[in-house]
Amino acid sequence: MSKDVPFKVTQTASHVSIVFRIKTIRSPKITISGADAVVEFGKDKCTLHFEAAVESAHAQVNSQNCIVSFKKAEQGEWAALPGQQGGSKGKKDSAKSPALSPAASPNTAGAAGGSLDAGQMG
């Protein structure tokens, strides 16, 4: 049975970074197909739908979480990020993050959070 994998999303003009709050010691398997990506942590699997295509991904793993950064195929800010609730445009005051608030950073244009489990993918 798959459990929820909570995450937080931030973006810059050239990258989208996702912090998965999952304790793992292995790098996830990442599969990219245009504007979709699948991140697999053993039995846990998250499907992410981006506003536009992403080209490559890089994962950093530590004892508390896993950070996956995707390079955007074309630079620019996206209005919608994975995990956003309907109508949210990535603004810090309307972004939903289960436990972490968006980091105040000049490189962070928008932040969103959420969680996906195997039953929510599709």
PDB file of N, CA and C in Angstrom:
ATOM      1  N   MET A   1       0.842  -1.181   0.000  1.00  0.00           N
ATOM      2  CA  MET A   1       0.000   0.000   0.000  1.00  0.00           C
ATOM      3  C   MET A   1       0.881   1.236   0.000  1.00  0.00           C
ATOM      4  N   SER A   2       0.551   2.185  -0.809  1.00  0.00           N
ATOM      5  CA  SER A   2       1.330   3.411  -0.941  1.00  0.00           C
ATOM      6  C   SER A   2       0.842   4.452   0.058  1.00  0.00           C
ATOM      7  N   LYS A   3       1.751   5.194   0.647  1.00  0.00           N
ATOM      8  CA  LYS A   3       1.375   6.277   1.550  1.00  0.00           C
ATOM      9  C   LYS A   3       1.558   7.607   0.840  1.00  0.00           C
ATOM     10  N   ASP A   4       0.974   8.665   1.407  1.00  0.00           N
ATOM     11  CA  ASP A   4       1.157   9.996   0.834  1.00  0.00           C
ATOM     12  C   ASP A   4       2.620  10.399   0.927  1.00  0.00           C
ATOM     13  N   VAL A   5       3.092  11.082  -0.093  1.00  0.00           N
ATOM     14  CA  VAL A   5       4.443  11.628  -0.093  1.00  0.00           C
ATOM     15  C   VAL A   5       4.289  13.140  -0.163  1.00  0.00           C
ATOM     16  N   PRO A   6       4.345  13.841   0.987  1.00  0.00           N
ATOM     17  CA  PRO A   6       4.179  15.299   0.966  1.00  0.00           C
ATOM     18  C   PRO A   6       5.347  15.976   0.262  1.00  0.00           C
ATOM     19  N   PHE A   7       5.041  17.106  -0.380  1.00  0.00           N
ATOM     20  CA  PHE A   7       6.088  17.820  -1.096  1.00  0.00           C
ATOM     21  C   PHE A   7       5.789  19.305  -1.157  1.00  0.00           C
ATOM     22  N   LYS A   8       6.833  20.075  -1.489  1.00  0.00           N
ATOM     23  CA  LYS A   8       6.728  21.522  -1.676  1.00  0.00           C
ATOM     24  C   LYS A   8       7.438  21.867  -2.973  1.00  0.00           C
ATOM     25  N   VAL A   9       6.847  22.754  -3.768  1.00  0.00           N
ATOM     26  CA  VAL A   9       7.390  23.107  -5.078  1.00  0.00           C
ATOM     27  C   VAL A   9       7.777  24.581  -5.099  1.00  0.00           C
ATOM     28  N   THR A  10       8.967  24.877  -5.638  1.00  0.00           N
ATOM     29  CA  THR A  10       9.391  26.257  -5.885  1.00  0.00           C
ATOM     30  C   THR A  10       9.929  26.329  -7.306  1.00  0.00           C
ATOM     31  N   GLN A  11      10.018  27.554  -7.832  1.00  0.00           N
ATOM     32  CA  GLN A  11      10.525  27.701  -9.194  1.00  0.00           C
ATOM     33  C   GLN A  11      11.367  28.952  -9.342  1.00  0.00           C
ATOM     34  N   THR A  12      12.245  28.905 -10.338  1.00  0.00           N
ATOM     35  CA  THR A  12      12.964  30.070 -10.840  1.00  0.00           C
ATOM     36  C   THR A  12      12.638  30.122 -12.326  1.00  0.00           C
ATOM     37  N   ALA A  13      13.227  31.041 -13.047  1.00  0.00           N
ATOM     38  CA  ALA A  13      12.962  31.135 -14.487  1.00  0.00           C
ATOM     39  C   ALA A  13      13.460  29.902 -15.235  1.00  0.00           C
ATOM     40  N   SER A  14      14.474  29.225 -14.710  1.00  0.00           N
ATOM     41  CA  SER A  14      15.059  28.098 -15.441  1.00  0.00           C
ATOM     42  C   SER A  14      14.840  26.722 -14.812  1.00  0.00           C
ATOM     43  N   HIS A  15      14.397  26.666 -13.556  1.00  0.00           N
ATOM     44  CA  HIS A  15      14.259  25.381 -12.865  1.00  0.00           C
ATOM     45  C   HIS A  15      12.993  25.313 -12.016  1.00  0.00           C
ATOM     46  N   VAL A  16      12.546  24.091 -11.768  1.00  0.00           N
ATOM     47  CA  VAL A  16      11.487  23.799 -10.803  1.00  0.00           C
ATOM     48  C   VAL A  16      12.093  22.824  -9.810  1.00  0.00           C
ATOM     49  N   SER A  17      11.991  23.132  -8.517  1.00  0.00           N
ATOM     50  CA  SER A  17      12.529  22.249  -7.486  1.00  0.00           C
ATOM     51  C   SER A  17      11.398  21.735  -6.612  1.00  0.00           C
ATOM     52  N   ILE A  18      11.459  20.448  -6.302  1.00  0.00           N
ATOM     53  CA  ILE A  18      10.439  19.816  -5.478  1.00  0.00           C
ATOM     54  C   ILE A  18      11.133  19.155  -4.300  1.00  0.00           C
ATOM     55  N   VAL A  19      10.691  19.507  -3.083  1.00  0.00           N
ATOM     56  CA  VAL A  19      11.213  18.896  -1.873  1.00  0.00           C
ATOM     57  C   VAL A  19      10.195  17.851  -1.427  1.00  0.00           C
ATOM     58  N   PHE A  20      10.575  16.589  -1.521  1.00  0.00           N
ATOM     59  CA  PHE A  20       9.733  15.495  -1.047  1.00  0.00           C
ATOM     60  C   PHE A  20      10.134  15.209   0.393  1.00  0.00           C
ATOM     61  N   ARG A  21       9.185  15.285   1.307  1.00  0.00           N
ATOM     62  CA  ARG A  21       9.479  14.998   2.706  1.00  0.00           C
ATOM     63  C   ARG A  21       9.324  13.499   2.931  1.00  0.00           C
ATOM     64  N   ILE A  22      10.370  12.784   2.599  1.00  0.00           N
ATOM     65  CA  ILE A  22      10.388  11.335   2.732  1.00  0.00           C
ATOM     66  C   ILE A  22      11.781  10.936   3.178  1.00  0.00           C
ATOM     67  N   LYS A  23      11.851  10.061   4.161  1.00  0.00           N
ATOM     68  CA  LYS A  23      13.149   9.591   4.633  1.00  0.00           C
ATOM     69  C   LYS A  23      13.591   8.460   3.725  1.00  0.00           C
ATOM     70  N   THR A  24      14.664   8.687   3.015  1.00  0.00           N
ATOM     71  CA  THR A  24      15.175   7.687   2.087  1.00  0.00           C
ATOM     72  C   THR A  24      16.689   7.780   2.042  1.00  0.00           C
ATOM     73  N   ILE A  25      17.322   6.694   1.694  1.00  0.00           N
ATOM     74  CA  ILE A  25      18.777   6.722   1.566  1.00  0.00           C
ATOM     75  C   ILE A  25      19.204   6.532   0.119  1.00  0.00           C
ATOM     76  N   ARG A  26      18.250   6.294  -0.749  1.00  0.00           N
ATOM     77  CA  ARG A  26      18.553   6.076  -2.162  1.00  0.00           C
ATOM     78  C   ARG A  26      17.971   7.189  -3.009  1.00  0.00           C
ATOM     79  N   SER A  27      18.638   7.470  -4.101  1.00  0.00           N
ATOM     80  CA  SER A  27      18.098   8.435  -5.060  1.00  0.00           C
ATOM     81  C   SER A  27      16.880   7.822  -5.737  1.00  0.00           C
ATOM     82  N   PRO A  28      15.869   8.644  -6.014  1.00  0.00           N
ATOM     83  CA  PRO A  28      14.676   8.122  -6.675  1.00  0.00           C
ATOM     84  C   PRO A  28      14.937   7.841  -8.148  1.00  0.00           C
ATOM     85  N   LYS A  29      14.087   7.017  -8.731  1.00  0.00           N
ATOM     86  CA  LYS A  29      14.110   6.802 -10.177  1.00  0.00           C
ATOM     87  C   LYS A  29      13.215   7.881 -10.773  1.00  0.00           C
ATOM     88  N   ILE A  30      13.739   8.640 -11.735  1.00  0.00           N
ATOM     89  CA  ILE A  30      13.000   9.754 -12.338  1.00  0.00           C
ATOM     90  C   ILE A  30      12.858   9.495 -13.827  1.00  0.00           C
ATOM     91  N   THR A  31      11.617   9.539 -14.298  1.00  0.00           N
ATOM     92  CA  THR A  31      11.325   9.360 -15.715  1.00  0.00           C
ATOM     93  C   THR A  31      10.635  10.618 -16.214  1.00  0.00           C
ATOM     94  N   ILE A  32      11.157  11.224 -17.290  1.00  0.00           N
ATOM     95  CA  ILE A  32      10.596  12.460 -17.849  1.00  0.00           C
ATOM     96  C   ILE A  32      10.029  12.176 -19.228  1.00  0.00           C
ATOM     97  N   SER A  33       8.825  12.686 -19.463  1.00  0.00           N
ATOM     98  CA  SER A  33       8.181  12.575 -20.772  1.00  0.00           C
ATOM     99  C   SER A  33       7.501  13.906 -21.075  1.00  0.00           C
ATOM    100  N   GLY A  34       8.229  14.812 -21.732  1.00  0.00           N
ATOM    101  CA  GLY A  34       7.668  16.127 -22.067  1.00  0.00           C
ATOM    102  C   GLY A  34       7.371  16.943 -20.827  1.00  0.00           C
ATOM    103  N   ALA A  35       6.072  17.212 -20.582  1.00  0.00           N
ATOM    104  CA  ALA A  35       5.658  18.016 -19.437  1.00  0.00           C
ATOM    105  C   ALA A  35       5.252  17.152 -18.247  1.00  0.00           C
ATOM    106  N   ASP A  36       5.505  15.853 -18.306  1.00  0.00           N
ATOM    107  CA  ASP A  36       5.174  14.946 -17.214  1.00  0.00           C
ATOM    108  C   ASP A  36       6.443  14.289 -16.692  1.00  0.00           C
ATOM    109  N   ALA A  37       6.438  14.002 -15.399  1.00  0.00           N
ATOM    110  CA  ALA A  37       7.559  13.290 -14.794  1.00  0.00           C
ATOM    111  C   ALA A  37       7.017  12.320 -13.756  1.00  0.00           C
ATOM    112  N   VAL A  38       7.688  11.200 -13.613  1.00  0.00           N
ATOM    113  CA  VAL A  38       7.351  10.217 -12.591  1.00  0.00           C
ATOM    114  C   VAL A  38       8.567  10.078 -11.689  1.00  0.00           C
ATOM    115  N   VAL A  39       8.342  10.233 -10.370  1.00  0.00           N
ATOM    116  CA  VAL A  39       9.404  10.098  -9.385  1.00  0.00           C
ATOM    117  C   VAL A  39       9.043   8.896  -8.516  1.00  0.00           C
ATOM    118  N   GLU A  40       9.929   7.894  -8.498  1.00  0.00           N
ATOM    119  CA  GLU A  40       9.658   6.660  -7.761  1.00  0.00           C
ATOM    120  C   GLU A  40      10.632   6.499  -6.608  1.00  0.00           C
ATOM    121  N   PHE A  41      10.077   6.315  -5.400  1.00  0.00           N
ATOM    122  CA  PHE A  41      10.844   6.034  -4.192  1.00  0.00           C
ATOM    123  C   PHE A  41      10.498   4.610  -3.765  1.00  0.00           C
ATOM    124  N   GLY A  42      11.078   3.624  -4.379  1.00  0.00           N
ATOM    125  CA  GLY A  42      10.733   2.242  -4.060  1.00  0.00           C
ATOM    126  C   GLY A  42       9.285   1.974  -4.426  1.00  0.00           C
ATOM    127  N   LYS A  43       8.441   1.713  -3.413  1.00  0.00           N
ATOM    128  CA  LYS A  43       7.021   1.431  -3.651  1.00  0.00           C
ATOM    129  C   LYS A  43       6.201   2.704  -3.833  1.00  0.00           C
ATOM    130  N   ASP A  44       6.694   3.830  -3.361  1.00  0.00           N
ATOM    131  CA  ASP A  44       5.980   5.104  -3.484  1.00  0.00           C
ATOM    132  C   ASP A  44       6.307   5.749  -4.818  1.00  0.00           C
ATOM    133  N   LYS A  45       5.271   6.256  -5.482  1.00  0.00           N
ATOM    134  CA  LYS A  45       5.434   6.800  -6.836  1.00  0.00           C
ATOM    135  C   LYS A  45       4.592   8.065  -6.965  1.00  0.00           C
ATOM    136  N   CYS A  46       5.184   9.136  -7.467  1.00  0.00           N
ATOM    137  CA  CYS A  46       4.476  10.396  -7.688  1.00  0.00           C
ATOM    138  C   CYS A  46       4.547  10.769  -9.164  1.00  0.00           C
ATOM    139  N   THR A  47       3.401  11.108  -9.732  1.00  0.00           N
ATOM    140  CA  THR A  47       3.353  11.596 -11.104  1.00  0.00           C
ATOM    141  C   THR A  47       3.138  13.100 -11.047  1.00  0.00           C
ATOM    142  N   LEU A  48       3.990  13.852 -11.712  1.00  0.00           N
ATOM    143  CA  LEU A  48       3.934  15.311 -11.713  1.00  0.00           C
ATOM    144  C   LEU A  48       3.592  15.807 -13.107  1.00  0.00           C
ATOM    145  N   HIS A  49       2.657  16.742 -13.178  1.00  0.00           N
ATOM    146  CA  HIS A  49       2.268  17.346 -14.452  1.00  0.00           C
ATOM    147  C   HIS A  49       2.699  18.811 -14.416  1.00  0.00           C
ATOM    148  N   PHE A  50       3.606  19.191 -15.302  1.00  0.00           N
ATOM    149  CA  PHE A  50       4.106  20.556 -15.361  1.00  0.00           C
ATOM    150  C   PHE A  50       3.361  21.350 -16.423  1.00  0.00           C
ATOM    151  N   GLU A  51       3.452  22.665 -16.338  1.00  0.00           N
ATOM    152  CA  GLU A  51       2.811  23.556 -17.304  1.00  0.00           C
ATOM    153  C   GLU A  51       3.452  23.438 -18.684  1.00  0.00           C
ATOM    154  N   ALA A  52       4.738  23.160 -18.724  1.00  0.00           N
ATOM    155  CA  ALA A  52       5.476  23.024 -19.992  1.00  0.00           C
ATOM    156  C   ALA A  52       6.537  21.940 -19.812  1.00  0.00           C
ATOM    157  N   ALA A  53       7.250  21.647 -20.878  1.00  0.00           N
ATOM    158  CA  ALA A  53       8.222  20.550 -20.865  1.00  0.00           C
ATOM    159  C   ALA A  53       9.408  20.836 -19.948  1.00  0.00           C
ATOM    160  N   VAL A  54       9.922  19.761 -19.361  1.00  0.00           N
ATOM    161  CA  VAL A  54      11.165  19.809 -18.600  1.00  0.00           C
ATOM    162  C   VAL A  54      12.162  18.893 -19.300  1.00  0.00           C
ATOM    163  N   GLU A  55      13.458  19.230 -19.180  1.00  0.00           N
ATOM    164  CA  GLU A  55      14.491  18.507 -19.926  1.00  0.00           C
ATOM    165  C   GLU A  55      15.250  17.482 -19.111  1.00  0.00           C
ATOM    166  N   SER A  56      15.625  17.837 -17.912  1.00  0.00           N
ATOM    167  CA  SER A  56      16.463  16.943 -17.121  1.00  0.00           C
ATOM    168  C   SER A  56      16.140  17.119 -15.648  1.00  0.00           C
ATOM    169  N   ALA A  57      16.588  16.160 -14.846  1.00  0.00           N
ATOM    170  CA  ALA A  57      16.336  16.212 -13.408  1.00  0.00           C
ATOM    171  C   ALA A  57      17.601  15.826 -12.656  1.00  0.00           C
ATOM    172  N   HIS A  58      17.714  16.374 -11.447  1.00  0.00           N
ATOM    173  CA  HIS A  58      18.833  16.058 -10.571  1.00  0.00           C
ATOM    174  C   HIS A  58      18.268  15.882  -9.163  1.00  0.00           C
ATOM    175  N   ALA A  59      18.649  14.809  -8.481  1.00  0.00           N
ATOM    176  CA  ALA A  59      18.147  14.537  -7.133  1.00  0.00           C
ATOM    177  C   ALA A  59      19.255  14.688  -6.103  1.00  0.00           C
ATOM    178  N   GLN A  60      18.896  15.295  -4.966  1.00  0.00           N
ATOM    179  CA  GLN A  60      19.783  15.396  -3.809  1.00  0.00           C
ATOM    180  C   GLN A  60      19.050  14.734  -2.650  1.00  0.00           C
ATOM    181  N   VAL A  61      19.682  13.765  -2.014  1.00  0.00           N
ATOM    182  CA  VAL A  61      19.043  13.014  -0.942  1.00  0.00           C
ATOM    183  C   VAL A  61      19.764  13.284   0.365  1.00  0.00           C
ATOM    184  N   ASN A  62      18.982  13.551   1.438  1.00  0.00           N
ATOM    185  CA  ASN A  62      19.560  13.617   2.771  1.00  0.00           C
ATOM    186  C   ASN A  62      18.670  12.812   3.713  1.00  0.00           C
ATOM    187  N   SER A  63      18.934  12.841   5.000  1.00  0.00           N
ATOM    188  CA  SER A  63      18.223  11.969   5.933  1.00  0.00           C
ATOM    189  C   SER A  63      16.755  12.340   6.131  1.00  0.00           C
ATOM    190  N   GLN A  64      16.360  13.559   5.831  1.00  0.00           N
ATOM    191  CA  GLN A  64      14.990  14.001   6.078  1.00  0.00           C
ATOM    192  C   GLN A  64      14.141  14.172   4.831  1.00  0.00           C
ATOM    193  N   ASN A  65      14.770  14.407   3.676  1.00  0.00           N
ATOM    194  CA  ASN A  65      13.982  14.651   2.464  1.00  0.00           C
ATOM    195  C   ASN A  65      14.810  14.386   1.210  1.00  0.00           C
ATOM    196  N   CYS A  66      14.144  14.537   0.089  1.00  0.00           N
ATOM    197  CA  CYS A  66      14.789  14.388  -1.211  1.00  0.00           C
ATOM    198  C   CYS A  66      14.398  15.593  -2.054  1.00  0.00           C
ATOM    199  N   ILE A  67      15.365  16.285  -2.611  1.00  0.00           N
ATOM    200  CA  ILE A  67      15.106  17.451  -3.449  1.00  0.00           C
ATOM    201  C   ILE A  67      15.373  17.064  -4.895  1.00  0.00           C
ATOM    202  N   VAL A  68      14.346  17.216  -5.729  1.00  0.00           N
ATOM    203  CA  VAL A  68      14.480  16.919  -7.151  1.00  0.00           C
ATOM    204  C   VAL A  68      14.328  18.229  -7.910  1.00  0.00           C
ATOM    205  N   SER A  69      15.335  18.592  -8.691  1.00  0.00           N
ATOM    206  CA  SER A  69      15.307  19.815  -9.497  1.00  0.00           C
ATOM    207  C   SER A  69      15.174  19.449 -10.964  1.00  0.00           C
ATOM    208  N   PHE A  70      14.196  20.060 -11.621  1.00  0.00           N
ATOM    209  CA  PHE A  70      13.962  19.845 -13.045  1.00  0.00           C
ATOM    210  C   PHE A  70      14.360  21.099 -13.804  1.00  0.00           C
ATOM    211  N   LYS A  71      15.077  20.944 -14.910  1.00  0.00           N
ATOM    212  CA  LYS A  71      15.435  22.068 -15.772  1.00  0.00           C
ATOM    213  C   LYS A  71      14.296  22.286 -16.761  1.00  0.00           C
ATOM    214  N   LYS A  72      13.829  23.530 -16.851  1.00  0.00           N
ATOM    215  CA  LYS A  72      12.758  23.863 -17.792  1.00  0.00           C
ATOM    216  C   LYS A  72      13.309  23.866 -19.218  1.00  0.00           C
ATOM    217  N   ALA A  73      12.523  23.367 -20.170  1.00  0.00           N
ATOM    218  CA  ALA A  73      12.932  23.361 -21.576  1.00  0.00           C
ATOM    219  C   ALA A  73      13.039  24.788 -22.096  1.00  0.00           C
ATOM    220  N   GLU A  74      12.125  25.654 -21.658  1.00  0.00           N
ATOM    221  CA  GLU A  74      12.164  27.072 -22.019  1.00  0.00           C
ATOM    222  C   GLU A  74      12.086  27.887 -20.742  1.00  0.00           C
ATOM    223  N   GLN A  75      12.944  28.910 -20.638  1.00  0.00           N
ATOM    224  CA  GLN A  75      12.946  29.734 -19.443  1.00  0.00           C
ATOM    225  C   GLN A  75      11.673  30.550 -19.344  1.00  0.00           C
ATOM    226  N   GLY A  76      11.255  30.797 -18.122  1.00  0.00           N
ATOM    227  CA  GLY A  76      10.081  31.614 -17.856  1.00  0.00           C
ATOM    228  C   GLY A  76       9.368  31.127 -16.615  1.00  0.00           C
ATOM    229  N   GLU A  77       8.550  31.993 -16.055  1.00  0.00           N
ATOM    230  CA  GLU A  77       7.778  31.648 -14.868  1.00  0.00           C
ATOM    231  C   GLU A  77       6.488  30.952 -15.275  1.00  0.00           C
ATOM    232  N   TRP A  78       6.129  29.895 -14.560  1.00  0.00           N
ATOM    233  CA  TRP A  78       4.881  29.183 -14.808  1.00  0.00           C
ATOM    234  C   TRP A  78       3.822  29.675 -13.839  1.00  0.00           C
ATOM    235  N   ALA A  79       2.602  29.805 -14.322  1.00  0.00           N
ATOM    236  CA  ALA A  79       1.494  30.228 -13.472  1.00  0.00           C
ATOM    237  C   ALA A  79       1.061  29.095 -12.547  1.00  0.00           C
ATOM    238  N   ALA A  80       1.116  27.863 -13.030  1.00  0.00           N
ATOM    239  CA  ALA A  80       0.674  26.718 -12.235  1.00  0.00           C
ATOM    240  C   ALA A  80       1.844  25.778 -11.978  1.00  0.00           C
ATOM    241  N   LEU A  81       1.921  25.301 -10.747  1.00  0.00           N
ATOM    242  CA  LEU A  81       2.951  24.350 -10.353  1.00  0.00           C
ATOM    243  C   LEU A  81       2.282  23.061  -9.888  1.00  0.00           C
ATOM    244  N   PRO A  82       2.958  21.925  -9.976  1.00  0.00           N
ATOM    245  CA  PRO A  82       2.363  20.676  -9.491  1.00  0.00           C
ATOM    246  C   PRO A  82       1.984  20.790  -8.018  1.00  0.00           C
ATOM    247  N   GLY A  83       0.856  20.218  -7.650  1.00  0.00           N
ATOM    248  CA  GLY A  83       0.426  20.223  -6.258  1.00  0.00           C
ATOM    249  C   GLY A  83      -0.416  21.408  -5.856  1.00  0.00           C
ATOM    250  N   GLN A  84      -0.620  22.367  -6.738  1.00  0.00           N
ATOM    251  CA  GLN A  84      -1.433  23.531  -6.407  1.00  0.00           C
ATOM    252  C   GLN A  84      -2.902  23.172  -6.415  1.00  0.00           C
ATOM    253  N   GLN A  85      -3.639  23.804  -5.538  1.00  0.00           N
ATOM    254  CA  GLN A  85      -5.084  23.671  -5.543  1.00  0.00           C
ATOM    255  C   GLN A  85      -5.628  24.555  -6.648  1.00  0.00           C
ATOM    256  N   GLY A  86      -6.790  24.248  -7.169  1.00  0.00           N
ATOM    257  CA  GLY A  86      -7.371  25.007  -8.277  1.00  0.00           C
ATOM    258  C   GLY A  86      -7.437  26.492  -8.002  1.00  0.00           C
ATOM    259  N   GLY A  87      -7.058  27.284  -8.986  1.00  0.00           N
ATOM    260  CA  GLY A  87      -7.150  28.737  -8.889  1.00  0.00           C
ATOM    261  C   GLY A  87      -5.917  29.399  -8.321  1.00  0.00           C
ATOM    262  N   SER A  88      -5.038  28.655  -7.697  1.00  0.00           N
ATOM    263  CA  SER A  88      -3.840  29.244  -7.128  1.00  0.00           C
ATOM    264  C   SER A  88      -2.830  29.516  -8.236  1.00  0.00           C
ATOM    265  N   LYS A  89      -2.191  30.661  -8.196  1.00  0.00           N
ATOM    266  CA  LYS A  89      -1.236  31.048  -9.233  1.00  0.00           C
ATOM    267  C   LYS A  89       0.195  31.052  -8.723  1.00  0.00           C
ATOM    268  N   GLY A  90       0.465  30.349  -7.613  1.00  0.00           N
ATOM    269  CA  GLY A  90       1.828  30.277  -7.120  1.00  0.00           C
ATOM    270  C   GLY A  90       2.203  31.420  -6.198  1.00  0.00           C
ATOM    271  N   LYS A  91       1.232  32.228  -5.794  1.00  0.00           N
ATOM    272  CA  LYS A  91       1.515  33.318  -4.878  1.00  0.00           C
ATOM    273  C   LYS A  91       1.677  32.747  -3.481  1.00  0.00           C
ATOM    274  N   LYS A  92       2.571  33.330  -2.711  1.00  0.00           N
ATOM    275  CA  LYS A  92       2.868  32.800  -1.394  1.00  0.00           C
ATOM    276  C   LYS A  92       1.655  32.831  -0.474  1.00  0.00           C
ATOM    277  N   ASP A  93       0.781  33.829  -0.600  1.00  0.00           N
ATOM    278  CA  ASP A  93      -0.364  33.907   0.288  1.00  0.00           C
ATOM    279  C   ASP A  93      -1.451  32.900  -0.056  1.00  0.00           C
ATOM    280  N   SER A  94      -1.473  32.367  -1.260  1.00  0.00           N
ATOM    281  CA  SER A  94      -2.516  31.419  -1.634  1.00  0.00           C
ATOM    282  C   SER A  94      -1.979  30.013  -1.844  1.00  0.00           C
ATOM    283  N   ALA A  95      -0.671  29.818  -1.696  1.00  0.00           N
ATOM    284  CA  ALA A  95      -0.092  28.485  -1.894  1.00  0.00           C
ATOM    285  C   ALA A  95      -0.433  27.606  -0.702  1.00  0.00           C
ATOM    286  N   LYS A  96      -0.677  26.351  -0.959  1.00  0.00           N
ATOM    287  CA  LYS A  96      -1.009  25.399   0.091  1.00  0.00           C
ATOM    288  C   LYS A  96       0.196  24.497   0.319  1.00  0.00           C
ATOM    289  N   SER A  97       0.706  24.498   1.530  1.00  0.00           N
ATOM    290  CA  SER A  97       1.809  23.622   1.882  1.00  0.00           C
ATOM    291  C   SER A  97       1.448  22.939   3.192  1.00  0.00           C
ATOM    292  N   PRO A  98       1.429  21.610   3.241  1.00  0.00           N
ATOM    293  CA  PRO A  98       0.968  20.910   4.422  1.00  0.00           C
ATOM    294  C   PRO A  98       1.728  21.258   5.700  1.00  0.00           C
ATOM    295  N   ALA A  99       3.047  21.337   5.669  1.00  0.00           N
ATOM    296  CA  ALA A  99       3.790  21.594   6.888  1.00  0.00           C
ATOM    297  C   ALA A  99       4.855  22.655   6.722  1.00  0.00           C
ATOM    298  N   LEU A 100       5.370  22.832   5.528  1.00  0.00           N
ATOM    299  CA  LEU A 100       6.434  23.801   5.304  1.00  0.00           C
ATOM    300  C   LEU A 100       5.875  25.034   4.630  1.00  0.00           C
ATOM    301  N   SER A 101       6.271  26.193   5.115  1.00  0.00           N
ATOM    302  CA  SER A 101       5.857  27.408   4.424  1.00  0.00           C
ATOM    303  C   SER A 101       6.897  27.721   3.359  1.00  0.00           C
ATOM    304  N   PRO A 102       6.500  28.405   2.275  1.00  0.00           N
ATOM    305  CA  PRO A 102       7.454  28.725   1.210  1.00  0.00           C
ATOM    306  C   PRO A 102       8.616  29.545   1.747  1.00  0.00           C
ATOM    307  N   ALA A 103       9.801  29.224   1.317  1.00  0.00           N
ATOM    308  CA  ALA A 103      10.994  29.943   1.755  1.00  0.00           C
ATOM    309  C   ALA A 103      11.031  31.319   1.116  1.00  0.00           C
ATOM    310  N   ALA A 104      11.407  32.300   1.894  1.00  0.00           N
ATOM    311  CA  ALA A 104      11.530  33.654   1.363  1.00  0.00           C
ATOM    312  C   ALA A 104      12.887  33.763   0.691  1.00  0.00           C
ATOM    313  N   SER A 105      12.890  33.753  -0.600  1.00  0.00           N
ATOM    314  CA  SER A 105      14.128  33.792  -1.359  1.00  0.00           C
ATOM    315  C   SER A 105      13.925  34.637  -2.596  1.00  0.00           C
ATOM    316  N   PRO A 106      14.881  35.472  -2.969  1.00  0.00           N
ATOM    317  CA  PRO A 106      14.717  36.271  -4.184  1.00  0.00           C
ATOM    318  C   PRO A 106      14.660  35.407  -5.430  1.00  0.00           C
ATOM    319  N   ASN A 107      15.177  34.175  -5.377  1.00  0.00           N
ATOM    320  CA  ASN A 107      15.136  33.279  -6.526  1.00  0.00           C
ATOM    321  C   ASN A 107      13.857  32.469  -6.598  1.00  0.00           C
ATOM    322  N   THR A 108      12.995  32.584  -5.597  1.00  0.00           N
ATOM    323  CA  THR A 108      11.761  31.811  -5.559  1.00  0.00           C
ATOM    324  C   THR A 108      10.618  32.682  -6.041  1.00  0.00           C
ATOM    325  N   ALA A 109      10.121  32.393  -7.218  1.00  0.00           N
ATOM    326  CA  ALA A 109       9.030  33.184  -7.779  1.00  0.00           C
ATOM    327  C   ALA A 109       7.687  32.704  -7.286  1.00  0.00           C
ATOM    328  N   GLY A 110       7.540  31.433  -7.038  1.00  0.00           N
ATOM    329  CA  GLY A 110       6.267  30.904  -6.569  1.00  0.00           C
ATOM    330  C   GLY A 110       6.516  29.618  -5.837  1.00  0.00           C
ATOM    331  N   ALA A 111       5.567  29.254  -4.983  1.00  0.00           N
ATOM    332  CA  ALA A 111       5.709  28.016  -4.236  1.00  0.00           C
ATOM    333  C   ALA A 111       4.351  27.371  -4.079  1.00  0.00           C
ATOM    334  N   ALA A 112       4.339  26.077  -4.110  1.00  0.00           N
ATOM    335  CA  ALA A 112       3.112  25.324  -3.899  1.00  0.00           C
ATOM    336  C   ALA A 112       3.474  24.020  -3.231  1.00  0.00           C
ATOM    337  N   GLY A 113       2.529  23.457  -2.532  1.00  0.00           N
ATOM    338  CA  GLY A 113       2.781  22.187  -1.879  1.00  0.00           C
ATOM    339  C   GLY A 113       1.619  21.262  -2.058  1.00  0.00           C
ATOM    340  N   GLY A 114       1.820  20.035  -1.684  1.00  0.00           N
ATOM    341  CA  GLY A 114       0.754  19.057  -1.779  1.00  0.00           C
ATOM    342  C   GLY A 114       1.307  17.690  -1.498  1.00  0.00           C
ATOM    343  N   SER A 115       0.501  16.692  -1.756  1.00  0.00           N
ATOM    344  CA  SER A 115       0.966  15.324  -1.654  1.00  0.00           C
ATOM    345  C   SER A 115       0.220  14.493  -2.663  1.00  0.00           C
ATOM    346  N   LEU A 116       0.901  13.496  -3.163  1.00  0.00           N
ATOM    347  CA  LEU A 116       0.315  12.584  -4.134  1.00  0.00           C
ATOM    348  C   LEU A 116       0.492  11.176  -3.623  1.00  0.00           C
ATOM    349  N   ASP A 117      -0.485  10.322  -3.876  1.00  0.00           N
ATOM    350  CA  ASP A 117      -0.289   8.910  -3.626  1.00  0.00           C
ATOM    351  C   ASP A 117      -0.734   8.150  -4.853  1.00  0.00           C
ATOM    352  N   ALA A 118      -0.581   6.857  -4.833  1.00  0.00           N
ATOM    353  CA  ALA A 118      -0.866   6.063  -6.022  1.00  0.00           C
ATOM    354  C   ALA A 118      -2.307   6.214  -6.469  1.00  0.00           C
ATOM    355  N   GLY A 119      -3.233   6.463  -5.553  1.00  0.00           N
ATOM    356  CA  GLY A 119      -4.637   6.620  -5.914  1.00  0.00           C
ATOM    357  C   GLY A 119      -4.950   7.945  -6.573  1.00  0.00           C
ATOM    358  N   GLN A 120      -4.074   8.934  -6.460  1.00  0.00           N
ATOM    359  CA  GLN A 120      -4.332  10.256  -7.014  1.00  0.00           C
ATOM    360  C   GLN A 120      -3.697  10.455  -8.370  1.00  0.00           C
ATOM    361  N   MET A 121      -2.918   9.509  -8.821  1.00  0.00           N
ATOM    362  CA  MET A 121      -2.229   9.686 -10.088  1.00  0.00           C
ATOM    363  C   MET A 121      -3.153   9.351 -11.235  1.00  0.00           C
ATOM    364  N   GLY A 122      -2.913  10.015 -12.363  1.00  0.00           N
ATOM    365  CA  GLY A 122      -3.742   9.650 -13.503  1.00  0.00           C
ATOM    366  C   GLY A 122      -3.655  10.566 -14.629  1.00  0.00           C
TER     367      GLY A 122
END
